Amino acid sequence: MRLLISRFIAVLLLAIPGVAATYGFLAMKNAIFDYFSAFGNDLINPSFGWIRFIIGAILFLAGIAFIGGWIFFRDRKRNYLSSRFKPKRPRPPRPDQSS
C-alpha cells in the first residue's frame, strides 16, 4: 500500500507541471487568437492581452523545464546520456611530465 501511494504522488508530481504547461500554451494561443480575431470587428479597437500571454508563457516554460529537468536527471542517474553531458573527471598527470 505504501508503494502505491508513493507512485501516485510521483505521478502527480509529473502531471501537475504537465497540466500547467498545457494551460499556459492554451492561454498564449487564446491571447494571440483573440487579438487577431478582433480585427474583423469595427466597433472595438483590438488590443493584445499581454498579461494573459505572459502568465501563459511563464506557466508553459516552467512546466516544460520541470519535466525536461526530471527526464535529464533520471537519464543521468541511469547513465543514458552522451559523453558531453557526463561530469568531467580530471585526468591523471602523465609520467613523462615533471611538475
PDB file of N, CA and C in Angstrom:
ATOM      1  N   MET A   1       0.814  -1.190   0.000  1.00  0.00           N
ATOM      2  CA  MET A   1       0.000   0.000   0.000  1.00  0.00           C
ATOM      3  C   MET A   1       0.865   1.263   0.000  1.00  0.00           C
ATOM      4  N   ARG A   2       1.965   1.202   0.724  1.00  0.00           N
ATOM      5  CA  ARG A   2       2.856   2.357   0.803  1.00  0.00           C
ATOM      6  C   ARG A   2       3.503   2.642  -0.542  1.00  0.00           C
ATOM      7  N   LEU A   3       3.861   1.591  -1.299  1.00  0.00           N
ATOM      8  CA  LEU A   3       4.445   1.766  -2.619  1.00  0.00           C
ATOM      9  C   LEU A   3       3.431   2.372  -3.581  1.00  0.00           C
ATOM     10  N   LEU A   4       2.194   1.969  -3.461  1.00  0.00           N
ATOM     11  CA  LEU A   4       1.137   2.502  -4.316  1.00  0.00           C
ATOM     12  C   LEU A   4       0.949   3.996  -4.084  1.00  0.00           C
ATOM     13  N   ILE A   5       0.971   4.421  -2.841  1.00  0.00           N
ATOM     14  CA  ILE A   5       0.814   5.840  -2.527  1.00  0.00           C
ATOM     15  C   ILE A   5       2.010   6.640  -3.019  1.00  0.00           C
ATOM     16  N   SER A   6       3.208   6.110  -2.864  1.00  0.00           N
ATOM     17  CA  SER A   6       4.390   6.844  -3.321  1.00  0.00           C
ATOM     18  C   SER A   6       4.421   6.955  -4.844  1.00  0.00           C
ATOM     19  N   ARG A   7       3.963   5.937  -5.537  1.00  0.00           N
ATOM     20  CA  ARG A   7       3.894   6.034  -7.005  1.00  0.00           C
ATOM     21  C   ARG A   7       2.822   7.008  -7.455  1.00  0.00           C
ATOM     22  N   PHE A   8       1.709   7.060  -6.729  1.00  0.00           N
ATOM     23  CA  PHE A   8       0.661   8.019  -7.048  1.00  0.00           C
ATOM     24  C   PHE A   8       1.163   9.445  -6.863  1.00  0.00           C
ATOM     25  N   ILE A   9       1.915   9.683  -5.806  1.00  0.00           N
ATOM     26  CA  ILE A   9       2.495  11.011  -5.584  1.00  0.00           C
ATOM     27  C   ILE A   9       3.494  11.340  -6.686  1.00  0.00           C
ATOM     28  N   ALA A  10       4.270  10.369  -7.138  1.00  0.00           N
ATOM     29  CA  ALA A  10       5.234  10.602  -8.223  1.00  0.00           C
ATOM     30  C   ALA A  10       4.512  10.953  -9.522  1.00  0.00           C
ATOM     31  N   VAL A  11       3.406  10.299  -9.787  1.00  0.00           N
ATOM     32  CA  VAL A  11       2.635  10.624 -10.993  1.00  0.00           C
ATOM     33  C   VAL A  11       2.064  12.031 -10.889  1.00  0.00           C
ATOM     34  N   LEU A  12       1.597  12.401  -9.705  1.00  0.00           N
ATOM     35  CA  LEU A  12       1.081  13.760  -9.518  1.00  0.00           C
ATOM     36  C   LEU A  12       2.179  14.809  -9.697  1.00  0.00           C
ATOM     37  N   LEU A  13       3.393  14.478  -9.254  1.00  0.00           N
ATOM     38  CA  LEU A  13       4.498  15.425  -9.419  1.00  0.00           C
ATOM     39  C   LEU A  13       4.821  15.680 -10.883  1.00  0.00           C
ATOM     40  N   LEU A  14       4.513  14.745 -11.750  1.00  0.00           N
ATOM     41  CA  LEU A  14       4.724  14.963 -13.177  1.00  0.00           C
ATOM     42  C   LEU A  14       3.469  15.480 -13.871  1.00  0.00           C
ATOM     43  N   ALA A  15       2.300  15.134 -13.352  1.00  0.00           N
ATOM     44  CA  ALA A  15       1.064  15.550 -14.006  1.00  0.00           C
ATOM     45  C   ALA A  15       0.767  17.027 -13.769  1.00  0.00           C
ATOM     46  N   ILE A  16       1.066  17.528 -12.584  1.00  0.00           N
ATOM     47  CA  ILE A  16       0.764  18.932 -12.287  1.00  0.00           C
ATOM     48  C   ILE A  16       1.570  19.880 -13.181  1.00  0.00           C
ATOM     49  N   PRO A  17       2.892  19.716 -13.364  1.00  0.00           N
ATOM     50  CA  PRO A  17       3.591  20.584 -14.309  1.00  0.00           C
ATOM     51  C   PRO A  17       3.123  20.385 -15.757  1.00  0.00           C
ATOM     52  N   GLY A  18       2.703  19.177 -16.099  1.00  0.00           N
ATOM     53  CA  GLY A  18       2.184  18.939 -17.443  1.00  0.00           C
ATOM     54  C   GLY A  18       0.885  19.682 -17.688  1.00  0.00           C
ATOM     55  N   VAL A  19       0.009  19.687 -16.703  1.00  0.00           N
ATOM     56  CA  VAL A  19      -1.252  20.430 -16.820  1.00  0.00           C
ATOM     57  C   VAL A  19      -0.971  21.933 -16.843  1.00  0.00           C
ATOM     58  N   ALA A  20      -0.022  22.393 -16.050  1.00  0.00           N
ATOM     59  CA  ALA A  20       0.331  23.818 -16.050  1.00  0.00           C
ATOM     60  C   ALA A  20       0.904  24.238 -17.400  1.00  0.00           C
ATOM     61  N   ALA A  21       1.752  23.397 -17.987  1.00  0.00           N
ATOM     62  CA  ALA A  21       2.313  23.710 -19.302  1.00  0.00           C
ATOM     63  C   ALA A  21       1.224  23.733 -20.364  1.00  0.00           C
ATOM     64  N   THR A  22       0.279  22.821 -20.275  1.00  0.00           N
ATOM     65  CA  THR A  22      -0.826  22.790 -21.234  1.00  0.00           C
ATOM     66  C   THR A  22      -1.702  24.028 -21.089  1.00  0.00           C
ATOM     67  N   TYR A  23      -2.021  24.401 -19.854  1.00  0.00           N
ATOM     68  CA  TYR A  23      -2.831  25.597 -19.633  1.00  0.00           C
ATOM     69  C   TYR A  23      -2.090  26.849 -20.122  1.00  0.00           C
ATOM     70  N   GLY A  24      -0.785  26.909 -19.886  1.00  0.00           N
ATOM     71  CA  GLY A  24      -0.002  28.054 -20.359  1.00  0.00           C
ATOM     72  C   GLY A  24       0.013  28.150 -21.873  1.00  0.00           C
ATOM     73  N   PHE A  25       0.142  27.025 -22.540  1.00  0.00           N
ATOM     74  CA  PHE A  25       0.120  27.025 -24.003  1.00  0.00           C
ATOM     75  C   PHE A  25      -1.233  27.495 -24.513  1.00  0.00           C
ATOM     76  N   LEU A  26      -2.307  27.002 -23.900  1.00  0.00           N
ATOM     77  CA  LEU A  26      -3.639  27.410 -24.334  1.00  0.00           C
ATOM     78  C   LEU A  26      -3.898  28.884 -24.049  1.00  0.00           C
ATOM     79  N   ALA A  27      -3.390  29.412 -22.936  1.00  0.00           N
ATOM     80  CA  ALA A  27      -3.552  30.836 -22.630  1.00  0.00           C
ATOM     81  C   ALA A  27      -2.822  31.700 -23.651  1.00  0.00           C
ATOM     82  N   MET A  28      -1.610  31.301 -24.046  1.00  0.00           N
ATOM     83  CA  MET A  28      -0.883  32.049 -25.076  1.00  0.00           C
ATOM     84  C   MET A  28      -1.614  31.980 -26.408  1.00  0.00           C
ATOM     85  N   LYS A  29      -2.100  30.803 -26.772  1.00  0.00           N
ATOM     86  CA  LYS A  29      -2.820  30.627 -28.032  1.00  0.00           C
ATOM     87  C   LYS A  29      -4.077  31.480 -28.057  1.00  0.00           C
ATOM     88  N   ASN A  30      -4.825  31.474 -26.957  1.00  0.00           N
ATOM     89  CA  ASN A  30      -6.057  32.261 -26.906  1.00  0.00           C
ATOM     90  C   ASN A  30      -5.785  33.759 -26.941  1.00  0.00           C
ATOM     91  N   ALA A  31      -4.706  34.214 -26.323  1.00  0.00           N
ATOM     92  CA  ALA A  31      -4.366  35.645 -26.367  1.00  0.00           C
ATOM     93  C   ALA A  31      -4.060  36.073 -27.797  1.00  0.00           C
ATOM     94  N   ILE A  32      -3.321  35.260 -28.517  1.00  0.00           N
ATOM     95  CA  ILE A  32      -2.993  35.591 -29.908  1.00  0.00           C
ATOM     96  C   ILE A  32      -4.239  35.503 -30.786  1.00  0.00           C
ATOM     97  N   PHE A  33      -5.045  34.471 -30.589  1.00  0.00           N
ATOM     98  CA  PHE A  33      -6.253  34.319 -31.399  1.00  0.00           C
ATOM     99  C   PHE A  33      -7.234  35.460 -31.162  1.00  0.00           C
ATOM    100  N   ASP A  34      -7.445  35.849 -29.906  1.00  0.00           N
ATOM    101  CA  ASP A  34      -8.374  36.945 -29.608  1.00  0.00           C
ATOM    102  C   ASP A  34      -7.902  38.255 -30.215  1.00  0.00           C
ATOM    103  N   TYR A  35      -6.604  38.478 -30.241  1.00  0.00           N
ATOM    104  CA  TYR A  35      -6.061  39.706 -30.837  1.00  0.00           C
ATOM    105  C   TYR A  35      -6.333  39.737 -32.335  1.00  0.00           C
ATOM    106  N   PHE A  36      -6.048  38.639 -33.028  1.00  0.00           N
ATOM    107  CA  PHE A  36      -6.237  38.647 -34.471  1.00  0.00           C
ATOM    108  C   PHE A  36      -7.708  38.554 -34.870  1.00  0.00           C
ATOM    109  N   SER A  37      -8.534  37.927 -34.069  1.00  0.00           N
ATOM    110  CA  SER A  37      -9.954  37.840 -34.413  1.00  0.00           C
ATOM    111  C   SER A  37     -10.672  39.168 -34.185  1.00  0.00           C
ATOM    112  N   ALA A  38     -10.124  40.054 -33.360  1.00  0.00           N
ATOM    113  CA  ALA A  38     -10.742  41.353 -33.109  1.00  0.00           C
ATOM    114  C   ALA A  38     -10.568  42.312 -34.278  1.00  0.00           C
ATOM    115  N   PHE A  39      -9.711  42.017 -35.243  1.00  0.00           N
ATOM    116  CA  PHE A  39      -9.512  42.912 -36.384  1.00  0.00           C
ATOM    117  C   PHE A  39     -10.737  42.952 -37.299  1.00  0.00           C
ATOM    118  N   GLY A  40     -11.591  41.925 -37.264  1.00  0.00           N
ATOM    119  CA  GLY A  40     -12.770  41.917 -38.116  1.00  0.00           C
ATOM    120  C   GLY A  40     -13.904  42.757 -37.573  1.00  0.00           C
ATOM    121  N   ASN A  41     -13.870  43.118 -36.315  1.00  0.00           N
ATOM    122  CA  ASN A  41     -14.939  43.891 -35.690  1.00  0.00           C
ATOM    123  C   ASN A  41     -14.562  45.363 -35.708  1.00  0.00           C
ATOM    124  N   ASP A  42     -15.379  46.200 -36.388  1.00  0.00           N
ATOM    125  CA  ASP A  42     -15.069  47.629 -36.488  1.00  0.00           C
ATOM    126  C   ASP A  42     -15.512  48.411 -35.255  1.00  0.00           C
ATOM    127  N   LEU A  43     -16.270  47.805 -34.371  1.00  0.00           N
ATOM    128  CA  LEU A  43     -16.782  48.513 -33.203  1.00  0.00           C
ATOM    129  C   LEU A  43     -15.764  48.610 -32.068  1.00  0.00           C
ATOM    130  N   ILE A  44     -14.750  47.770 -32.060  1.00  0.00           N
ATOM    131  CA  ILE A  44     -13.770  47.791 -30.968  1.00  0.00           C
ATOM    132  C   ILE A  44     -12.378  48.024 -31.523  1.00  0.00           C
ATOM    133  N   ASN A  45     -11.520  48.512 -30.669  1.00  0.00           N
ATOM    134  CA  ASN A  45     -10.111  48.701 -31.014  1.00  0.00           C
ATOM    135  C   ASN A  45      -9.351  47.482 -30.498  1.00  0.00           C
ATOM    136  N   PRO A  46      -8.726  46.684 -31.385  1.00  0.00           N
ATOM    137  CA  PRO A  46      -8.059  45.468 -30.900  1.00  0.00           C
ATOM    138  C   PRO A  46      -6.853  45.797 -30.019  1.00  0.00           C
ATOM    139  N   SER A  47      -6.763  45.105 -28.905  1.00  0.00           N
ATOM    140  CA  SER A  47      -5.610  45.250 -28.017  1.00  0.00           C
ATOM    141  C   SER A  47      -5.138  43.847 -27.632  1.00  0.00           C
ATOM    142  N   PHE A  48      -3.843  43.730 -27.464  1.00  0.00           N
ATOM    143  CA  PHE A  48      -3.250  42.427 -27.166  1.00  0.00           C
ATOM    144  C   PHE A  48      -3.306  42.173 -25.670  1.00  0.00           C
ATOM    145  N   GLY A  49      -3.669  40.966 -25.270  1.00  0.00           N
ATOM    146  CA  GLY A  49      -3.746  40.586 -23.852  1.00  0.00           C
ATOM    147  C   GLY A  49      -2.381  40.180 -23.331  1.00  0.00           C
ATOM    148  N   TRP A  50      -1.552  41.174 -22.992  1.00  0.00           N
ATOM    149  CA  TRP A  50      -0.178  40.895 -22.575  1.00  0.00           C
ATOM    150  C   TRP A  50      -0.111  40.123 -21.268  1.00  0.00           C
ATOM    151  N   ILE A  51      -0.978  40.436 -20.324  1.00  0.00           N
ATOM    152  CA  ILE A  51      -0.911  39.767 -19.018  1.00  0.00           C
ATOM    153  C   ILE A  51      -1.213  38.283 -19.172  1.00  0.00           C
ATOM    154  N   ARG A  52      -2.264  37.968 -19.926  1.00  0.00           N
ATOM    155  CA  ARG A  52      -2.612  36.555 -20.127  1.00  0.00           C
ATOM    156  C   ARG A  52      -1.509  35.836 -20.900  1.00  0.00           C
ATOM    157  N   PHE A  53      -0.914  36.515 -21.888  1.00  0.00           N
ATOM    158  CA  PHE A  53       0.155  35.898 -22.669  1.00  0.00           C
ATOM    159  C   PHE A  53       1.396  35.640 -21.820  1.00  0.00           C
ATOM    160  N   ILE A  54       1.778  36.602 -20.993  1.00  0.00           N
ATOM    161  CA  ILE A  54       2.991  36.449 -20.173  1.00  0.00           C
ATOM    162  C   ILE A  54       2.792  35.385 -19.096  1.00  0.00           C
ATOM    163  N   ILE A  55       1.620  35.367 -18.460  1.00  0.00           N
ATOM    164  CA  ILE A  55       1.351  34.323 -17.462  1.00  0.00           C
ATOM    165  C   ILE A  55       1.345  32.950 -18.128  1.00  0.00           C
ATOM    166  N   GLY A  56       0.769  32.870 -19.331  1.00  0.00           N
ATOM    167  CA  GLY A  56       0.784  31.606 -20.072  1.00  0.00           C
ATOM    168  C   GLY A  56       2.191  31.176 -20.438  1.00  0.00           C
ATOM    169  N   ALA A  57       3.027  32.135 -20.850  1.00  0.00           N
ATOM    170  CA  ALA A  57       4.413  31.796 -21.203  1.00  0.00           C
ATOM    171  C   ALA A  57       5.187  31.305 -19.982  1.00  0.00           C
ATOM    172  N   ILE A  58       4.958  31.949 -18.829  1.00  0.00           N
ATOM    173  CA  ILE A  58       5.646  31.520 -17.600  1.00  0.00           C
ATOM    174  C   ILE A  58       5.215  30.113 -17.207  1.00  0.00           C
ATOM    175  N   LEU A  59       3.903  29.849 -17.248  1.00  0.00           N
ATOM    176  CA  LEU A  59       3.420  28.511 -16.905  1.00  0.00           C
ATOM    177  C   LEU A  59       3.941  27.463 -17.887  1.00  0.00           C
ATOM    178  N   PHE A  60       3.936  27.794 -19.164  1.00  0.00           N
ATOM    179  CA  PHE A  60       4.410  26.858 -20.178  1.00  0.00           C
ATOM    180  C   PHE A  60       5.892  26.548 -19.996  1.00  0.00           C
ATOM    181  N   LEU A  61       6.701  27.582 -19.851  1.00  0.00           N
ATOM    182  CA  LEU A  61       8.144  27.366 -19.712  1.00  0.00           C
ATOM    183  C   LEU A  61       8.500  26.661 -18.403  1.00  0.00           C
ATOM    184  N   ALA A  62       7.792  26.995 -17.323  1.00  0.00           N
ATOM    185  CA  ALA A  62       8.079  26.338 -16.040  1.00  0.00           C
ATOM    186  C   ALA A  62       7.707  24.857 -16.095  1.00  0.00           C
ATOM    187  N   GLY A  63       6.583  24.543 -16.700  1.00  0.00           N
ATOM    188  CA  GLY A  63       6.170  23.142 -16.802  1.00  0.00           C
ATOM    189  C   GLY A  63       7.100  22.330 -17.674  1.00  0.00           C
ATOM    190  N   ILE A  64       7.474  22.888 -18.818  1.00  0.00           N
ATOM    191  CA  ILE A  64       8.386  22.189 -19.731  1.00  0.00           C
ATOM    192  C   ILE A  64       9.767  22.037 -19.093  1.00  0.00           C
ATOM    193  N   ALA A  65      10.236  23.075 -18.391  1.00  0.00           N
ATOM    194  CA  ALA A  65      11.553  22.998 -17.747  1.00  0.00           C
ATOM    195  C   ALA A  65      11.566  21.943 -16.645  1.00  0.00           C
ATOM    196  N   PHE A  66      10.495  21.851 -15.869  1.00  0.00           N
ATOM    197  CA  PHE A  66      10.442  20.849 -14.802  1.00  0.00           C
ATOM    198  C   PHE A  66      10.464  19.443 -15.372  1.00  0.00           C
ATOM    199  N   ILE A  67       9.634  19.193 -16.372  1.00  0.00           N
ATOM    200  CA  ILE A  67       9.581  17.847 -16.962  1.00  0.00           C
ATOM    201  C   ILE A  67      10.888  17.518 -17.670  1.00  0.00           C
ATOM    202  N   GLY A  68      11.450  18.481 -18.398  1.00  0.00           N
ATOM    203  CA  GLY A  68      12.731  18.255 -19.066  1.00  0.00           C
ATOM    204  C   GLY A  68      13.865  18.009 -18.085  1.00  0.00           C
ATOM    205  N   GLY A  69      13.898  18.755 -16.993  1.00  0.00           N
ATOM    206  CA  GLY A  69      14.919  18.535 -15.970  1.00  0.00           C
ATOM    207  C   GLY A  69      14.766  17.190 -15.290  1.00  0.00           C
ATOM    208  N   TRP A  70      13.527  16.788 -15.057  1.00  0.00           N
ATOM    209  CA  TRP A  70      13.288  15.475 -14.446  1.00  0.00           C
ATOM    210  C   TRP A  70      13.785  14.358 -15.352  1.00  0.00           C
ATOM    211  N   ILE A  71      13.511  14.464 -16.646  1.00  0.00           N
ATOM    212  CA  ILE A  71      13.974  13.444 -17.596  1.00  0.00           C
ATOM    213  C   ILE A  71      15.496  13.457 -17.689  1.00  0.00           C
ATOM    214  N   PHE A  72      16.098  14.647 -17.704  1.00  0.00           N
ATOM    215  CA  PHE A  72      17.555  14.753 -17.809  1.00  0.00           C
ATOM    216  C   PHE A  72      18.248  14.113 -16.609  1.00  0.00           C
ATOM    217  N   PHE A  73      17.796  14.420 -15.408  1.00  0.00           N
ATOM    218  CA  PHE A  73      18.448  13.861 -14.219  1.00  0.00           C
ATOM    219  C   PHE A  73      18.169  12.376 -14.062  1.00  0.00           C
ATOM    220  N   ARG A  74      16.997  11.922 -14.506  1.00  0.00           N
ATOM    221  CA  ARG A  74      16.721  10.484 -14.477  1.00  0.00           C
ATOM    222  C   ARG A  74      17.649   9.753 -15.445  1.00  0.00           C
ATOM    223  N   ASP A  75      17.830  10.313 -16.648  1.00  0.00           N
ATOM    224  CA  ASP A  75      18.730   9.685 -17.615  1.00  0.00           C
ATOM    225  C   ASP A  75      20.179   9.747 -17.160  1.00  0.00           C
ATOM    226  N   ARG A  76      20.565  10.819 -16.458  1.00  0.00           N
ATOM    227  CA  ARG A  76      21.930  10.890 -15.940  1.00  0.00           C
ATOM    228  C   ARG A  76      22.154   9.820 -14.878  1.00  0.00           C
ATOM    229  N   LYS A  77      21.147   9.598 -14.039  1.00  0.00           N
ATOM    230  CA  LYS A  77      21.258   8.583 -12.989  1.00  0.00           C
ATOM    231  C   LYS A  77      21.367   7.184 -13.590  1.00  0.00           C
ATOM    232  N   ARG A  78      20.664   6.932 -14.680  1.00  0.00           N
ATOM    233  CA  ARG A  78      20.692   5.616 -15.321  1.00  0.00           C
ATOM    234  C   ARG A  78      21.794   5.482 -16.370  1.00  0.00           C
ATOM    235  N   ASN A  79      22.608   6.523 -16.530  1.00  0.00           N
ATOM    236  CA  ASN A  79      23.756   6.524 -17.438  1.00  0.00           C
ATOM    237  C   ASN A  79      23.330   6.380 -18.906  1.00  0.00           C
ATOM    238  N   TYR A  80      22.273   7.105 -19.289  1.00  0.00           N
ATOM    239  CA  TYR A  80      21.792   7.094 -20.666  1.00  0.00           C
ATOM    240  C   TYR A  80      22.306   8.268 -21.488  1.00  0.00           C
ATOM    241  N   LEU A  81      23.039   9.191 -20.885  1.00  0.00           N
ATOM    242  CA  LEU A  81      23.435  10.414 -21.562  1.00  0.00           C
ATOM    243  C   LEU A  81      24.682  10.201 -22.414  1.00  0.00           C
ATOM    244  N   SER A  82      24.841  11.097 -23.383  1.00  0.00           N
ATOM    245  CA  SER A  82      26.058  11.041 -24.185  1.00  0.00           C
ATOM    246  C   SER A  82      27.221  11.583 -23.358  1.00  0.00           C
ATOM    247  N   SER A  83      28.410  11.449 -23.884  1.00  0.00           N
ATOM    248  CA  SER A  83      29.601  11.780 -23.102  1.00  0.00           C
ATOM    249  C   SER A  83      29.717  13.272 -22.811  1.00  0.00           C
ATOM    250  N   ARG A  84      29.129  14.135 -23.624  1.00  0.00           N
ATOM    251  CA  ARG A  84      29.283  15.567 -23.373  1.00  0.00           C
ATOM    252  C   ARG A  84      28.475  16.041 -22.169  1.00  0.00           C
ATOM    253  N   PHE A  85      27.470  15.281 -21.715  1.00  0.00           N
ATOM    254  CA  PHE A  85      26.675  15.659 -20.562  1.00  0.00           C
ATOM    255  C   PHE A  85      27.138  14.974 -19.276  1.00  0.00           C
ATOM    256  N   LYS A  86      28.081  14.083 -19.367  1.00  0.00           N
ATOM    257  CA  LYS A  86      28.574  13.401 -18.174  1.00  0.00           C
ATOM    258  C   LYS A  86      29.543  14.311 -17.434  1.00  0.00           C
ATOM    259  N   PRO A  87      29.649  14.163 -16.110  1.00  0.00           N
ATOM    260  CA  PRO A  87      30.575  15.021 -15.360  1.00  0.00           C
ATOM    261  C   PRO A  87      32.020  14.760 -15.779  1.00  0.00           C
ATOM    262  N   LYS A  88      32.789  15.840 -15.824  1.00  0.00           N
ATOM    263  CA  LYS A  88      34.186  15.739 -16.223  1.00  0.00           C
ATOM    264  C   LYS A  88      35.020  15.222 -15.059  1.00  0.00           C
ATOM    265  N   ARG A  89      35.907  14.256 -15.366  1.00  0.00           N
ATOM    266  CA  ARG A  89      36.836  13.753 -14.366  1.00  0.00           C
ATOM    267  C   ARG A  89      38.223  14.268 -14.725  1.00  0.00           C
ATOM    268  N   PRO A  90      38.977  14.731 -13.740  1.00  0.00           N
ATOM    269  CA  PRO A  90      40.325  15.211 -14.053  1.00  0.00           C
ATOM    270  C   PRO A  90      41.216  14.057 -14.494  1.00  0.00           C
ATOM    271  N   ARG A  91      42.014  14.319 -15.511  1.00  0.00           N
ATOM    272  CA  ARG A  91      42.928  13.277 -15.994  1.00  0.00           C
ATOM    273  C   ARG A  91      44.155  13.233 -15.105  1.00  0.00           C
ATOM    274  N   PRO A  92      44.664  12.043 -14.830  1.00  0.00           N
ATOM    275  CA  PRO A  92      45.895  11.974 -14.036  1.00  0.00           C
ATOM    276  C   PRO A  92      47.074  12.481 -14.860  1.00  0.00           C
ATOM    277  N   PRO A  93      48.072  13.052 -14.206  1.00  0.00           N
ATOM    278  CA  PRO A  93      49.226  13.552 -14.951  1.00  0.00           C
ATOM    279  C   PRO A  93      50.009  12.408 -15.592  1.00  0.00           C
ATOM    280  N   ARG A  94      50.565  12.721 -16.756  1.00  0.00           N
ATOM    281  CA  ARG A  94      51.360  11.699 -17.437  1.00  0.00           C
ATOM    282  C   ARG A  94      52.687  11.529 -16.720  1.00  0.00           C
ATOM    283  N   PRO A  95      53.232  10.302 -16.784  1.00  0.00           N
ATOM    284  CA  PRO A  95      54.510  10.064 -16.043  1.00  0.00           C
ATOM    285  C   PRO A  95      55.695  10.819 -16.624  1.00  0.00           C
ATOM    286  N   ASP A  96      55.681  11.163 -17.917  1.00  0.00           N
ATOM    287  CA  ASP A  96      56.838  11.830 -18.513  1.00  0.00           C
ATOM    288  C   ASP A  96      56.866  13.323 -18.217  1.00  0.00           C
ATOM    289  N   GLN A  97      55.805  13.891 -17.637  1.00  0.00           N
ATOM    290  CA  GLN A  97      55.797  15.313 -17.298  1.00  0.00           C
ATOM    291  C   GLN A  97      56.257  15.491 -15.853  1.00  0.00           C
ATOM    292  N   SER A  98      57.110  16.451 -15.675  1.00  0.00           N
ATOM    293  CA  SER A  98      57.558  16.735 -14.306  1.00  0.00           C
ATOM    294  C   SER A  98      56.839  18.000 -13.833  1.00  0.00           C
ATOM    295  N   SER A  99      56.500  18.043 -12.558  1.00  0.00           N
ATOM    296  CA  SER A  99      55.761  19.187 -12.016  1.00  0.00           C
ATOM    297  C   SER A  99      56.659  20.296 -11.590  1.00  0.00           C
TER     298      SER A  99
END
